[in-house]
PDB file of N, CA and C in Angstrom:
ATOM      1  N   LYS A   1       0.902  -1.161  -0.104  1.00  0.00           N
ATOM      2  CA  LYS A   1      -0.201   0.258  -0.169  1.00  0.00           C
ATOM      3  C   LYS A   1       0.735   1.327  -0.116  1.00  0.00           C
ATOM      4  N   MET A   2       0.369   2.191  -0.573  1.00  0.00           N
ATOM      5  CA  MET A   2       0.694   3.605  -0.693  1.00  0.00           C
ATOM      6  C   MET A   2       0.392   4.950  -0.059  1.00  0.00           C
ATOM      7  N   GLY A   3       1.108   5.172   0.917  1.00  0.00           N
ATOM      8  CA  GLY A   3       0.382   6.452   1.785  1.00  0.00           C
ATOM      9  C   GLY A   3       0.370   7.648   1.175  1.00  0.00           C
ATOM     10  N   ALA A   4      -0.481   8.507   1.632  1.00  0.00           N
ATOM     11  CA  ALA A   4      -0.558   9.536   1.097  1.00  0.00           C
ATOM     12  C   ALA A   4       0.639  10.701   0.544  1.00  0.00           C
ATOM     13  N   ARG A   5       1.520  10.519   1.444  1.00  0.00           N
ATOM     14  CA  ARG A   5       2.562  11.708   0.996  1.00  0.00           C
ATOM     15  C   ARG A   5       2.760  11.263  -0.332  1.00  0.00           C
ATOM     16  N   PRO A   6       3.511   9.458  -0.355  1.00  0.00           N
ATOM     17  CA  PRO A   6       4.512   9.174  -1.720  1.00  0.00           C
ATOM     18  C   PRO A   6       3.060   9.381  -2.857  1.00  0.00           C
ATOM     19  N   MET A   7       1.895   9.012  -2.814  1.00  0.00           N
ATOM     20  CA  MET A   7       1.093   9.365  -3.708  1.00  0.00           C
ATOM     21  C   MET A   7       0.895  10.996  -4.252  1.00  0.00           C
ATOM     22  N   ALA A   8       0.723  11.941  -3.021  1.00  0.00           N
ATOM     23  CA  ALA A   8       1.197  13.420  -3.070  1.00  0.00           C
ATOM     24  C   ALA A   8       2.099  13.559  -4.120  1.00  0.00           C
ATOM     25  N   ARG A   9       3.086  13.078  -3.698  1.00  0.00           N
ATOM     26  CA  ARG A   9       4.711  13.309  -4.639  1.00  0.00           C
ATOM     27  C   ARG A   9       4.665  12.796  -6.253  1.00  0.00           C
ATOM     28  N   ILE A  10       3.881  11.478  -6.011  1.00  0.00           N
ATOM     29  CA  ILE A  10       3.493  10.965  -7.734  1.00  0.00           C
ATOM     30  C   ILE A  10       3.135  12.104  -8.386  1.00  0.00           C
ATOM     31  N   ILE A  11       1.818  12.156  -7.853  1.00  0.00           N
ATOM     32  CA  ILE A  11       1.160  13.315  -8.911  1.00  0.00           C
ATOM     33  C   ILE A  11       1.915  14.553  -9.431  1.00  0.00           C
ATOM     34  N   GLN A  12       3.088  15.185  -7.818  1.00  0.00           N
ATOM     35  CA  GLN A  12       3.401  16.262  -8.056  1.00  0.00           C
ATOM     36  C   GLN A  12       4.304  16.006  -9.389  1.00  0.00           C
ATOM     37  N   ASP A  13       5.251  15.163  -9.323  1.00  0.00           N
ATOM     38  CA  ASP A  13       5.997  14.730 -10.557  1.00  0.00           C
ATOM     39  C   ASP A  13       5.492  13.964 -11.942  1.00  0.00           C
ATOM     40  N   LYS A  14       4.886  13.539 -12.010  1.00  0.00           N
ATOM     41  CA  LYS A  14       4.549  12.529 -13.080  1.00  0.00           C
ATOM     42  C   LYS A  14       3.363  13.740 -13.836  1.00  0.00           C
ATOM     43  N   VAL A  15       2.299  14.236 -12.712  1.00  0.00           N
ATOM     44  CA  VAL A  15       1.266  15.092 -13.592  1.00  0.00           C
ATOM     45  C   VAL A  15       1.113  16.681 -13.173  1.00  0.00           C
ATOM     46  N   LYS A  16       1.421  17.221 -12.270  1.00  0.00           N
ATOM     47  CA  LYS A  16       1.668  18.502 -11.850  1.00  0.00           C
ATOM     48  C   LYS A  16       2.483  19.372 -12.909  1.00  0.00           C
ATOM     49  N   LYS A  17       3.373  18.585 -12.458  1.00  0.00           N
ATOM     50  CA  LYS A  17       4.810  19.464 -12.972  1.00  0.00           C
ATOM     51  C   LYS A  17       5.017  19.648 -14.450  1.00  0.00           C
ATOM     52  N   PRO A  18       4.647  18.437 -15.302  1.00  0.00           N
ATOM     53  CA  PRO A  18       4.497  18.076 -16.950  1.00  0.00           C
ATOM     54  C   PRO A  18       3.456  19.355 -17.435  1.00  0.00           C
ATOM     55  N   LEU A  19       2.221  19.404 -16.744  1.00  0.00           N
ATOM     56  CA  LEU A  19       1.389  20.033 -17.041  1.00  0.00           C
ATOM     57  C   LEU A  19       1.698  21.324 -17.206  1.00  0.00           C
ATOM     58  N   ALA A  20       1.918  21.911 -16.006  1.00  0.00           N
ATOM     59  CA  ALA A  20       2.698  22.804 -15.483  1.00  0.00           C
ATOM     60  C   ALA A  20       3.406  23.344 -16.879  1.00  0.00           C
ATOM     61  N   GLU A  21       4.859  23.342 -16.937  1.00  0.00           N
ATOM     62  CA  GLU A  21       5.509  22.817 -18.209  1.00  0.00           C
ATOM     63  C   GLU A  21       4.511  23.431 -19.304  1.00  0.00           C
ATOM     64  N   GLN A  22       3.446  22.909 -19.796  1.00  0.00           N
ATOM     65  CA  GLN A  22       3.230  22.955 -21.195  1.00  0.00           C
ATOM     66  C   GLN A  22       2.658  23.925 -21.275  1.00  0.00           C
ATOM     67  N   VAL A  23       1.261  24.697 -19.583  1.00  0.00           N
ATOM     68  CA  VAL A  23       1.088  25.280 -20.166  1.00  0.00           C
ATOM     69  C   VAL A  23       1.998  26.786 -20.087  1.00  0.00           C
ATOM     70  N   LEU A  24       2.963  27.001 -19.423  1.00  0.00           N
ATOM     71  CA  LEU A  24       3.735  28.087 -19.129  1.00  0.00           C
ATOM     72  C   LEU A  24       4.556  28.474 -19.965  1.00  0.00           C
ATOM     73  N   PHE A  25       5.219  27.058 -20.584  1.00  0.00           N
ATOM     74  CA  PHE A  25       6.431  27.385 -21.748  1.00  0.00           C
ATOM     75  C   PHE A  25       5.903  26.019 -22.641  1.00  0.00           C
ATOM     76  N   GLY A  26       5.229  25.199 -22.846  1.00  0.00           N
ATOM     77  CA  GLY A  26       5.060  24.416 -23.951  1.00  0.00           C
ATOM     78  C   GLY A  26       4.013  25.182 -25.087  1.00  0.00           C
ATOM     79  N   ALA A  27       3.535  23.886 -25.711  1.00  0.00           N
ATOM     80  CA  ALA A  27       2.833  24.309 -26.972  1.00  0.00           C
ATOM     81  C   ALA A  27       1.470  25.423 -26.417  1.00  0.00           C
ATOM     82  N   LEU A  28       1.274  25.174 -25.286  1.00  0.00           N
ATOM     83  CA  LEU A  28      -0.128  26.178 -24.836  1.00  0.00           C
ATOM     84  C   LEU A  28      -0.293  27.495 -24.239  1.00  0.00           C
ATOM     85  N   SER A  29       1.788  27.934 -24.019  1.00  0.00           N
ATOM     86  CA  SER A  29       1.513  29.296 -23.652  1.00  0.00           C
ATOM     87  C   SER A  29       1.454  30.134 -24.455  1.00  0.00           C
ATOM     88  N   GLU A  30       0.748  30.239 -25.945  1.00  0.00           N
ATOM     89  CA  GLU A  30       0.407  30.970 -26.572  1.00  0.00           C
ATOM     90  C   GLU A  30      -1.005  30.760 -27.013  1.00  0.00           C
ATOM     91  N   LYS A  31      -1.076  29.752 -27.508  1.00  0.00           N
ATOM     92  CA  LYS A  31      -2.729  29.597 -27.744  1.00  0.00           C
ATOM     93  C   LYS A  31      -3.525  29.469 -26.770  1.00  0.00           C
ATOM     94  N   GLY A  32      -3.272  28.372 -25.602  1.00  0.00           N
ATOM     95  CA  GLY A  32      -4.181  27.444 -25.720  1.00  0.00           C
ATOM     96  C   GLY A  32      -4.481  26.356 -25.798  1.00  0.00           C
ATOM     97  N   GLY A  33      -5.442  25.666 -25.627  1.00  0.00           N
ATOM     98  CA  GLY A  33      -5.691  24.465 -26.203  1.00  0.00           C
ATOM     99  C   GLY A  33      -6.114  23.454 -25.028  1.00  0.00           C
ATOM    100  N   VAL A  34      -6.056  22.058 -25.236  1.00  0.00           N
ATOM    101  CA  VAL A  34      -6.761  21.065 -24.189  1.00  0.00           C
ATOM    102  C   VAL A  34      -5.552  19.992 -23.995  1.00  0.00           C
ATOM    103  N   ILE A  35      -5.733  19.499 -22.736  1.00  0.00           N
ATOM    104  CA  ILE A  35      -4.776  18.511 -22.170  1.00  0.00           C
ATOM    105  C   ILE A  35      -5.347  17.511 -21.710  1.00  0.00           C
ATOM    106  N   THR A  36      -5.130  15.863 -21.572  1.00  0.00           N
ATOM    107  CA  THR A  36      -5.246  14.875 -21.713  1.00  0.00           C
ATOM    108  C   THR A  36      -4.322  14.197 -20.814  1.00  0.00           C
ATOM    109  N   VAL A  37      -5.242  13.702 -19.560  1.00  0.00           N
ATOM    110  CA  VAL A  37      -3.854  12.677 -18.909  1.00  0.00           C
ATOM    111  C   VAL A  37      -4.827  11.513 -18.525  1.00  0.00           C
ATOM    112  N   ASP A  38      -3.712  10.704 -19.496  1.00  0.00           N
ATOM    113  CA  ASP A  38      -4.351   8.835 -19.666  1.00  0.00           C
ATOM    114  C   ASP A  38      -3.021   8.198 -18.702  1.00  0.00           C
ATOM    115  N   VAL A  39      -3.531   6.909 -18.983  1.00  0.00           N
ATOM    116  CA  VAL A  39      -2.558   5.635 -18.199  1.00  0.00           C
ATOM    117  C   VAL A  39      -2.595   4.916 -19.709  1.00  0.00           C
ATOM    118  N   GLU A  40      -1.734   4.646 -19.907  1.00  0.00           N
ATOM    119  CA  GLU A  40      -1.166   3.585 -20.933  1.00  0.00           C
ATOM    120  C   GLU A  40      -0.377   2.744 -20.653  1.00  0.00           C
ATOM    121  N   ASP A  41      -0.356   1.469 -20.502  1.00  0.00           N
ATOM    122  CA  ASP A  41       0.756   0.216 -20.031  1.00  0.00           C
ATOM    123  C   ASP A  41       1.229   0.876 -18.614  1.00  0.00           C
ATOM    124  N   ASP A  42       0.673   1.072 -17.971  1.00  0.00           N
ATOM    125  CA  ASP A  42       1.165   1.029 -16.747  1.00  0.00           C
ATOM    126  C   ASP A  42       1.879   2.329 -16.594  1.00  0.00           C
ATOM    127  N   GLU A  43       1.864   3.475 -17.788  1.00  0.00           N
ATOM    128  CA  GLU A  43       2.588   4.789 -17.633  1.00  0.00           C
ATOM    129  C   GLU A  43       1.821   5.875 -17.386  1.00  0.00           C
ATOM    130  N   ILE A  44       1.814   7.082 -17.335  1.00  0.00           N
ATOM    131  CA  ILE A  44       1.104   8.466 -17.550  1.00  0.00           C
ATOM    132  C   ILE A  44       1.261   8.738 -18.790  1.00  0.00           C
ATOM    133  N   VAL A  45       0.701   9.606 -19.317  1.00  0.00           N
ATOM    134  CA  VAL A  45       0.302   9.764 -20.898  1.00  0.00           C
ATOM    135  C   VAL A  45      -0.322  11.337 -20.853  1.00  0.00           C
ATOM    136  N   ILE A  46       0.297  12.260 -20.883  1.00  0.00           N
ATOM    137  CA  ILE A  46      -0.172  13.080 -21.516  1.00  0.00           C
ATOM    138  C   ILE A  46       0.072  13.707 -23.380  1.00  0.00           C
ATOM    139  N   GLU A  47      -1.078  13.749 -23.165  1.00  0.00           N
ATOM    140  CA  GLU A  47      -1.482  14.553 -24.383  1.00  0.00           C
ATOM    141  C   GLU A  47      -1.798  15.810 -24.643  1.00  0.00           C
ATOM    142  N   THR A  48      -1.274  16.895 -25.373  1.00  0.00           N
ATOM    143  CA  THR A  48      -1.576  18.580 -25.460  1.00  0.00           C
ATOM    144  C   THR A  48      -1.928  18.543 -27.463  1.00  0.00           C
ATOM    145  N   GLN A  49      -3.138  19.149 -27.278  1.00  0.00           N
ATOM    146  CA  GLN A  49      -3.830  19.447 -28.403  1.00  0.00           C
ATOM    147  C   GLN A  49      -4.204  21.677 -28.159  1.00  0.00           C
ATOM    148  N   THR A  50      -2.859  22.151 -29.363  1.00  0.00           N
ATOM    149  CA  THR A  50      -3.294  23.363 -29.263  1.00  0.00           C
ATOM    150  C   THR A  50      -4.547  23.587 -30.688  1.00  0.00           C
ATOM    151  N   SER A  51      -4.708  24.889 -30.626  1.00  0.00           N
ATOM    152  CA  SER A  51      -6.028  24.941 -31.321  1.00  0.00           C
ATOM    153  C   SER A  51      -5.801  24.472 -32.992  1.00  0.00           C
ATOM    154  N   GLY A  52      -6.485  23.768 -33.484  1.00  0.00           N
ATOM    155  CA  GLY A  52      -6.372  23.236 -34.670  1.00  0.00           C
ATOM    156  C   GLY A  52      -4.787  22.453 -35.323  1.00  0.00           C
ATOM    157  N   ALA A  53      -4.542  21.805 -34.326  1.00  0.00           N
ATOM    158  CA  ALA A  53      -3.287  21.056 -34.410  1.00  0.00           C
ATOM    159  C   ALA A  53      -3.389  19.669 -33.732  1.00  0.00           C
ATOM    160  N   GLU A  54      -2.728  18.591 -34.061  1.00  0.00           N
ATOM    161  CA  GLU A  54      -2.906  17.486 -34.065  1.00  0.00           C
ATOM    162  C   GLU A  54      -2.021  17.446 -32.617  1.00  0.00           C
ATOM    163  N   PRO A  55      -2.670  16.416 -31.984  1.00  0.00           N
ATOM    164  CA  PRO A  55      -1.918  16.402 -30.597  1.00  0.00           C
ATOM    165  C   PRO A  55      -0.787  16.200 -30.594  1.00  0.00           C
ATOM    166  N   MET A  56       0.163  16.117 -29.363  1.00  0.00           N
ATOM    167  CA  MET A  56       1.220  15.969 -29.167  1.00  0.00           C
ATOM    168  C   MET A  56       1.421  14.852 -27.765  1.00  0.00           C
ATOM    169  N   THR A  57       2.101  13.828 -27.927  1.00  0.00           N
ATOM    170  CA  THR A  57       1.920  13.084 -26.906  1.00  0.00           C
ATOM    171  C   THR A  57       3.602  13.097 -26.028  1.00  0.00           C
ATOM    172  N   GLU A  58       2.892  13.245 -24.607  1.00  0.00           N
ATOM    173  CA  GLU A  58       4.543  13.258 -23.970  1.00  0.00           C
ATOM    174  C   GLU A  58       4.097  12.215 -22.939  1.00  0.00           C
ATOM    175  N   PRO A  59       5.272  10.889 -23.315  1.00  0.00           N
ATOM    176  CA  PRO A  59       5.032   9.853 -22.084  1.00  0.00           C
ATOM    177  C   PRO A  59       5.480  10.900 -20.716  1.00  0.00           C
ATOM    178  N   GLY A  60       4.781   9.856 -19.661  1.00  0.00           N
ATOM    179  CA  GLY A  60       4.770  10.688 -18.445  1.00  0.00           C
ATOM    180  C   GLY A  60       5.708   9.670 -17.239  1.00  0.00           C
TER     181      GLY A  60
END
C-alpha cells in the first residue's frame, strides 16, 4: 500500500509538473488548448492539443 505523501509526490512529479511546463512554456503557452492525461501500459501519458493542431504526446 502507498500512503498519502508518496502518492502526492508521484502526482506532483508525473502530472502537475509536466502540465505546468506545457501551460507556461510549451505548446499551450501562446494559443491555449486541451490537455488529456491518461494511463497506457501502466505509464502516465499527457497529450497536448493546441487549437487547430494534431495532438502531441508526452510520456510521463
